[in-house]
């Protein structure tokens, strides 16, 4: 079996069998491509079936010189997943990464914005510009619904169920969930759709897409990142933020105000409650307040 053939089959498996999103598939593929490039650069003649742990360890060691511990852990995980697939398909009996120790990394707490920060960013948008109303609506939707940036750009008009107070979101692994949307954000979306979007020459294939660029096509993830980055610069916000920061802020602010962790898990589309529990580490001050308010011995 050749490497490129194995990689092609692996990508098909991730897409069809695992149902992973495009970005996840690209990430896993990138890890395997790095290994293939290492073998070619060092003229190591081996195949996915017979490559051993010594070669893999040398590859990881070489990569570790240029990447941090977190990236190294991610690379090992991606390579391990590839060989797990080969075992699953009966091409191999063992995984050459089993003896490789993943570097220990501390818990990376997500960056969040205060309500004041969010108001500052949104209020700094110039609504007199053609894309001003659209950009305000984008940030309001990110923060109000806790969406991933990929979920935002893929949002459809047919996903808006405003009478019921929900939007339908297609998340990771093509999984569908319904997220509550407040009336204020509904008003922003309705205004954008009826007064701004309606004047755009929508290109074929994007008739159902909510947020469009000025050429009538779906916005890219990069464009959303650019919008957020430029607003941070404009307001002089001394924080490293991205569209995902609004999602983190959504979860953190709900939790701080006493929202149930499992309800937040459902709204974020986390498969495991463990993923959502990271927000418990952001600010424990509200936990003390909960105990002081509700525990019978606190009086």
Protein backbone atom coordinates (compact mmCIF):
# COMPACT_ATOMS: atom_id res chain seq x y z
CA UNK A 1 0.00 0.00 0.00
CA UNK A 2 1.34 3.42 -0.99
CA UNK A 3 1.08 6.43 1.30
CA UNK A 4 -1.06 8.55 -1.03
CA UNK A 5 -3.49 5.68 -1.56
CA UNK A 6 -3.73 5.10 2.18
CA UNK A 7 -4.31 8.81 2.79
CA UNK A 8 -7.07 8.95 0.15
CA UNK A 9 -8.83 5.96 1.72
CA UNK A 10 -8.40 7.49 5.17
CA UNK A 11 -10.01 10.76 4.09
CA UNK A 12 -12.96 8.84 2.64
CA UNK A 13 -13.31 6.96 5.92
CA UNK A 14 -13.31 10.19 7.95
CA UNK A 15 -15.91 11.72 5.66
CA UNK A 16 -18.26 8.78 5.11
CA UNK A 17 -17.84 6.56 8.16
CA UNK A 18 -16.99 9.13 10.84
CA UNK A 19 -19.02 11.99 9.36
CA UNK A 20 -16.40 14.58 10.28
CA UNK A 21 -16.61 18.18 9.13
CA UNK A 22 -14.38 19.45 6.33
CA UNK A 23 -12.08 21.37 8.68
CA UNK A 24 -11.54 18.33 10.92
CA UNK A 25 -10.75 16.14 7.92
CA UNK A 26 -8.21 18.67 6.65
CA UNK A 27 -6.57 18.79 10.07
CA UNK A 28 -6.20 15.00 10.30
CA UNK A 29 -4.95 14.83 6.71
CA UNK A 30 -2.37 17.53 7.40
CA UNK A 31 -0.81 15.41 10.16
CA UNK A 32 -0.37 12.42 7.85
CA UNK A 33 0.99 14.64 5.08
CA UNK A 34 3.67 15.92 7.46
CA UNK A 35 4.75 12.33 8.08
CA UNK A 36 4.83 11.58 4.34
CA UNK A 37 6.89 14.71 3.70
CA UNK A 38 9.35 13.72 6.45
CA UNK A 39 9.83 10.28 4.88
CA UNK A 40 10.37 11.75 1.42
CA UNK A 41 12.80 14.43 2.66
CA UNK A 42 14.89 11.87 4.52
CA UNK A 43 14.60 9.27 1.73
CA UNK A 44 13.12 6.68 4.08
CA UNK A 45 11.63 3.89 2.00
CA UNK A 46 8.78 2.36 3.96
CA UNK A 47 5.02 1.88 3.70
CA UNK A 48 2.05 2.52 6.03
CA UNK A 49 1.88 -1.24 6.62
CA UNK A 50 5.45 -1.84 7.80
CA UNK A 51 6.60 1.51 9.23
CA UNK A 52 7.79 0.98 12.81
CA UNK A 53 7.79 2.92 16.05
CA UNK A 54 11.46 3.93 15.70
CA UNK A 55 10.78 5.90 12.52
CA UNK A 56 7.66 7.47 14.02
CA UNK A 57 9.59 8.50 17.14
CA UNK A 58 12.28 10.13 15.01
CA UNK A 59 9.60 11.98 13.07
CA UNK A 60 7.96 13.27 16.26
CA UNK A 61 11.33 14.23 17.73
CA UNK A 62 12.22 16.22 14.60
CA UNK A 63 8.82 17.94 14.56
CA UNK A 64 9.12 18.83 18.27
CA UNK A 65 12.05 21.14 17.50
CA UNK A 66 9.80 23.57 15.66
CA UNK A 67 6.39 23.21 17.36
CA UNK A 68 5.17 23.71 20.93
CA UNK A 69 3.95 20.97 23.25
CA UNK A 70 0.29 21.48 22.40
CA UNK A 71 0.93 21.22 18.65
CA UNK A 72 3.11 18.19 19.26
CA UNK A 73 0.32 16.49 21.20
CA UNK A 74 -2.10 17.29 18.39
CA UNK A 75 0.31 15.82 15.80
CA UNK A 76 0.75 12.59 17.77
CA UNK A 77 -3.02 12.29 18.14
CA UNK A 78 -3.53 12.75 14.39
CA UNK A 79 -0.90 10.15 13.46
CA UNK A 80 -2.25 7.72 16.05
CA UNK A 81 -5.75 8.08 14.62
CA UNK A 82 -4.43 7.27 11.11
CA UNK A 83 -2.83 4.03 12.27
CA UNK A 84 -5.92 3.14 14.27
CA UNK A 85 -7.80 3.35 10.98
CA UNK A 86 -5.29 0.98 9.33
CA UNK A 87 -5.80 -1.48 12.21
CA UNK A 88 -9.56 -1.13 11.86
CA UNK A 89 -9.26 -2.02 8.17
CA UNK A 90 -7.00 -5.01 9.04
CA UNK A 91 -3.95 -3.56 7.27
CA UNK A 92 -1.93 -3.58 10.49
CA UNK A 93 -2.01 -5.43 13.79
CA UNK A 94 -0.38 -2.77 15.96
CA UNK A 95 -0.13 1.00 16.21
CA UNK A 96 3.48 2.31 16.01
CA UNK A 97 2.53 5.32 18.15
CA UNK A 98 1.46 3.25 21.18
CA UNK A 99 4.81 3.67 22.94
CA UNK A 100 5.11 7.39 22.18
CA UNK A 101 4.37 9.52 25.21
CA UNK A 102 2.22 12.56 24.57
CA UNK A 103 3.71 15.70 26.14
CA UNK A 104 1.88 16.95 29.18
CA UNK A 105 0.18 20.25 28.58
CA UNK A 106 -1.71 22.42 31.00
CA UNK A 107 -5.38 23.14 30.57
CA UNK A 108 -5.78 25.95 28.07
CA UNK A 109 -8.61 28.13 29.26
CA UNK A 110 -10.46 29.88 26.45
CA UNK A 111 -10.22 33.64 26.17
CA UNK A 112 -13.42 35.49 26.95
CA UNK A 113 -14.77 39.00 26.63
CA UNK A 114 -16.64 40.99 29.23
CA UNK A 115 -20.07 42.34 28.38
CA UNK A 116 -18.44 45.78 28.26
CA UNK A 117 -15.89 44.51 25.70
CA UNK A 118 -18.60 43.02 23.52
CA UNK A 119 -20.67 46.20 23.62
CA UNK A 120 -17.55 48.21 22.76
CA UNK A 121 -16.79 46.05 19.71
CA UNK A 122 -20.35 46.02 18.40
CA UNK A 123 -20.91 49.74 19.01
CA UNK A 124 -17.71 50.58 17.11
CA UNK A 125 -19.16 49.19 13.86
CA UNK A 126 -19.83 51.92 11.34
CA UNK A 127 -23.46 51.34 10.37
CA UNK A 128 -23.19 53.89 7.56
CA UNK A 129 -20.94 51.51 5.62
CA UNK A 130 -22.59 48.98 3.27
CA UNK A 131 -21.53 45.99 5.37
CA UNK A 132 -22.08 47.63 8.76
CA UNK A 133 -25.51 46.20 9.50
CA UNK A 134 -24.39 42.77 8.33
CA UNK A 135 -21.31 42.81 10.57
CA UNK A 136 -23.31 43.91 13.61
CA UNK A 137 -25.79 41.12 12.99
CA UNK A 138 -22.96 38.60 12.65
CA UNK A 139 -21.43 39.52 16.02
CA UNK A 140 -24.81 39.61 17.74
CA UNK A 141 -25.59 36.13 16.37
CA UNK A 142 -22.20 34.70 17.37
CA UNK A 143 -22.59 35.98 20.92
CA UNK A 144 -26.32 35.37 21.38
CA UNK A 145 -26.30 31.80 20.06
CA UNK A 146 -22.75 30.62 20.81
CA UNK A 147 -22.11 29.47 17.26
CA UNK A 148 -18.87 28.20 15.79
CA UNK A 149 -17.70 30.36 12.89
CA UNK A 150 -18.31 27.50 10.44
CA UNK A 151 -21.87 27.19 11.74
CA UNK A 152 -22.45 30.90 11.26
CA UNK A 153 -21.28 31.03 7.63
CA UNK A 154 -23.35 27.92 6.83
CA UNK A 155 -26.52 29.28 8.47
CA UNK A 156 -29.52 29.10 6.11
CA UNK A 157 -32.68 31.16 5.88
CA UNK A 158 -34.54 27.85 6.13
CA UNK A 159 -32.80 27.29 9.49
CA UNK A 160 -34.53 30.29 11.06
CA UNK A 161 -37.55 29.29 13.16
CA UNK A 162 -38.25 32.64 14.76
CA UNK A 163 -41.88 31.91 15.64
CA UNK A 164 -40.63 29.08 17.84
CA UNK A 165 -37.65 31.14 19.03
CA UNK A 166 -34.96 28.79 17.68
CA UNK A 167 -32.43 28.43 14.89
CA UNK A 168 -31.31 25.10 13.48
CA UNK A 169 -27.54 24.60 13.49
CA UNK A 170 -25.56 21.96 11.63
CA UNK A 171 -22.50 21.34 13.78
CA UNK A 172 -19.49 19.04 13.80
CA UNK A 173 -20.05 15.64 12.23
CA UNK A 174 -23.12 17.03 10.44
CA UNK A 175 -25.03 16.85 13.72
CA UNK A 176 -28.15 18.97 14.00
CA UNK A 177 -29.19 20.95 17.05
CA UNK A 178 -31.68 23.71 17.83
CA UNK A 179 -30.40 26.79 19.65
CA UNK A 180 -32.63 29.45 21.28
CA UNK A 181 -32.36 32.93 19.79
CA UNK A 182 -33.52 36.05 21.63
CA UNK A 183 -35.95 38.56 20.14
CA UNK A 184 -33.35 41.32 19.82
CA UNK A 185 -31.07 39.16 17.67
CA UNK A 186 -34.08 38.07 15.63
CA UNK A 187 -34.78 41.76 14.90
CA UNK A 188 -31.20 42.31 13.74
CA UNK A 189 -31.36 39.31 11.41
CA UNK A 190 -34.77 40.28 10.05
CA UNK A 191 -33.60 43.83 9.36
CA UNK A 192 -30.45 42.61 7.63
CA UNK A 193 -32.35 40.07 5.50
CA UNK A 194 -35.19 42.40 4.52
CA UNK A 195 -33.36 45.72 4.14
CA UNK A 196 -29.76 44.82 3.25
CA UNK A 197 -29.56 41.32 1.87
CA UNK A 198 -32.59 41.86 -0.35
CA UNK A 199 -30.60 44.40 -2.39
CA UNK A 200 -27.71 42.02 -3.08
CA UNK A 201 -27.46 40.16 -6.38
CA UNK A 202 -27.46 36.66 -4.89
CA UNK A 203 -25.47 34.15 -6.92
CA UNK A 204 -26.85 30.75 -7.81
CA UNK A 205 -26.44 28.22 -5.05
CA UNK A 206 -26.47 30.83 -2.25
CA UNK A 207 -30.16 31.76 -2.31
CA UNK A 208 -30.71 30.15 1.11
CA UNK A 209 -27.51 31.42 2.78
CA UNK A 210 -28.13 34.07 5.44
CA UNK A 211 -24.88 36.05 5.46
CA UNK A 212 -23.48 37.05 2.07
CA UNK A 213 -20.52 39.05 0.84
CA UNK A 214 -21.02 41.97 -1.53
CA UNK A 215 -20.69 39.59 -4.50
CA UNK A 216 -23.70 37.59 -3.39
CA UNK A 217 -21.80 34.53 -2.17
CA UNK A 218 -21.31 32.89 1.22
CA UNK A 219 -18.84 34.56 3.54
CA UNK A 220 -15.65 32.64 4.29
CA UNK A 221 -14.38 31.79 7.76
CA UNK A 222 -11.35 33.99 7.08
CA UNK A 223 -13.61 36.98 6.40
CA UNK A 224 -15.30 36.60 9.80
CA UNK A 225 -11.88 36.44 11.47
CA UNK A 226 -10.88 39.61 9.60
CA UNK A 227 -14.00 41.48 10.71
CA UNK A 228 -13.34 40.65 14.37
CA UNK A 229 -9.61 41.41 14.14
CA UNK A 230 -10.20 44.82 12.54
CA UNK A 231 -12.75 45.78 15.19
CA UNK A 232 -10.31 44.80 17.96
CA UNK A 233 -7.68 47.05 16.37
CA UNK A 234 -10.17 49.87 15.89
CA UNK A 235 -11.27 49.84 19.54
CA UNK A 236 -7.75 49.32 20.91
CA UNK A 237 -8.84 46.14 22.67
CA UNK A 238 -5.70 44.59 24.17
CA UNK A 239 -6.87 41.01 23.85
CA UNK A 240 -6.17 38.33 21.29
CA UNK A 241 -9.66 37.51 20.08
CA UNK A 242 -11.36 35.60 17.28
CA UNK A 243 -14.95 34.72 16.33
CA UNK A 244 -14.62 31.76 18.70
CA UNK A 245 -14.12 34.19 21.59
CA UNK A 246 -17.79 35.19 21.28
CA UNK A 247 -18.76 31.51 21.63
CA UNK A 248 -16.63 31.18 24.76
CA UNK A 249 -18.12 34.38 26.15
CA UNK A 250 -21.64 33.08 25.47
CA UNK A 251 -20.98 29.96 27.55
CA UNK A 252 -19.08 31.74 30.32
CA UNK A 253 -21.68 34.47 30.82
CA UNK A 254 -24.51 31.91 30.96
CA UNK A 255 -22.64 29.81 33.50
CA UNK A 256 -21.79 32.82 35.65
CA UNK A 257 -25.48 33.66 35.85
CA UNK A 258 -26.45 30.21 37.05
CA UNK A 259 -27.34 28.40 33.81
CA UNK A 260 -27.31 24.60 33.97
CA UNK A 261 -24.10 23.09 32.58
CA UNK A 262 -25.95 20.42 30.60
CA UNK A 263 -28.19 23.05 29.00
CA UNK A 264 -25.05 24.93 27.90
CA UNK A 265 -23.62 21.65 26.58
CA UNK A 266 -26.69 21.15 24.38
CA UNK A 267 -26.61 24.69 23.06
CA UNK A 268 -22.88 24.51 22.24
CA UNK A 269 -23.28 21.10 20.60
CA UNK A 270 -20.60 19.44 22.73
CA UNK A 271 -20.74 15.67 22.50
CA UNK A 272 -19.23 15.27 25.97
CA UNK A 273 -20.03 17.23 29.12
CA UNK A 274 -16.29 17.16 29.86
CA UNK A 275 -15.69 19.61 27.02
CA UNK A 276 -18.21 22.03 28.49
CA UNK A 277 -16.77 21.69 31.99
CA UNK A 278 -13.72 23.74 30.98
CA UNK A 279 -15.87 26.83 31.55
CA UNK A 280 -16.11 25.87 35.23
CA UNK A 281 -12.43 26.81 35.56
CA UNK A 282 -12.77 30.34 34.21
CA UNK A 283 -14.22 32.09 37.21
CA UNK A 284 -15.01 30.20 40.41
CA UNK A 285 -16.27 33.28 42.25
CA UNK A 286 -19.83 32.63 41.15
CA UNK A 287 -19.65 29.07 42.56
CA UNK A 288 -19.05 30.54 46.03
CA UNK A 289 -22.07 32.76 45.50
CA UNK A 290 -24.22 29.75 44.58
CA UNK A 291 -23.24 27.93 47.78
CA UNK A 292 -23.79 31.03 49.93
CA UNK A 293 -27.20 31.57 48.38
CA UNK A 294 -28.62 28.05 48.27
CA UNK A 295 -26.86 25.86 50.84
CA UNK A 296 -28.84 25.49 54.11
CA UNK A 297 -25.70 25.80 56.27
CA UNK A 298 -24.61 29.08 54.72
CA UNK A 299 -27.09 31.14 56.72
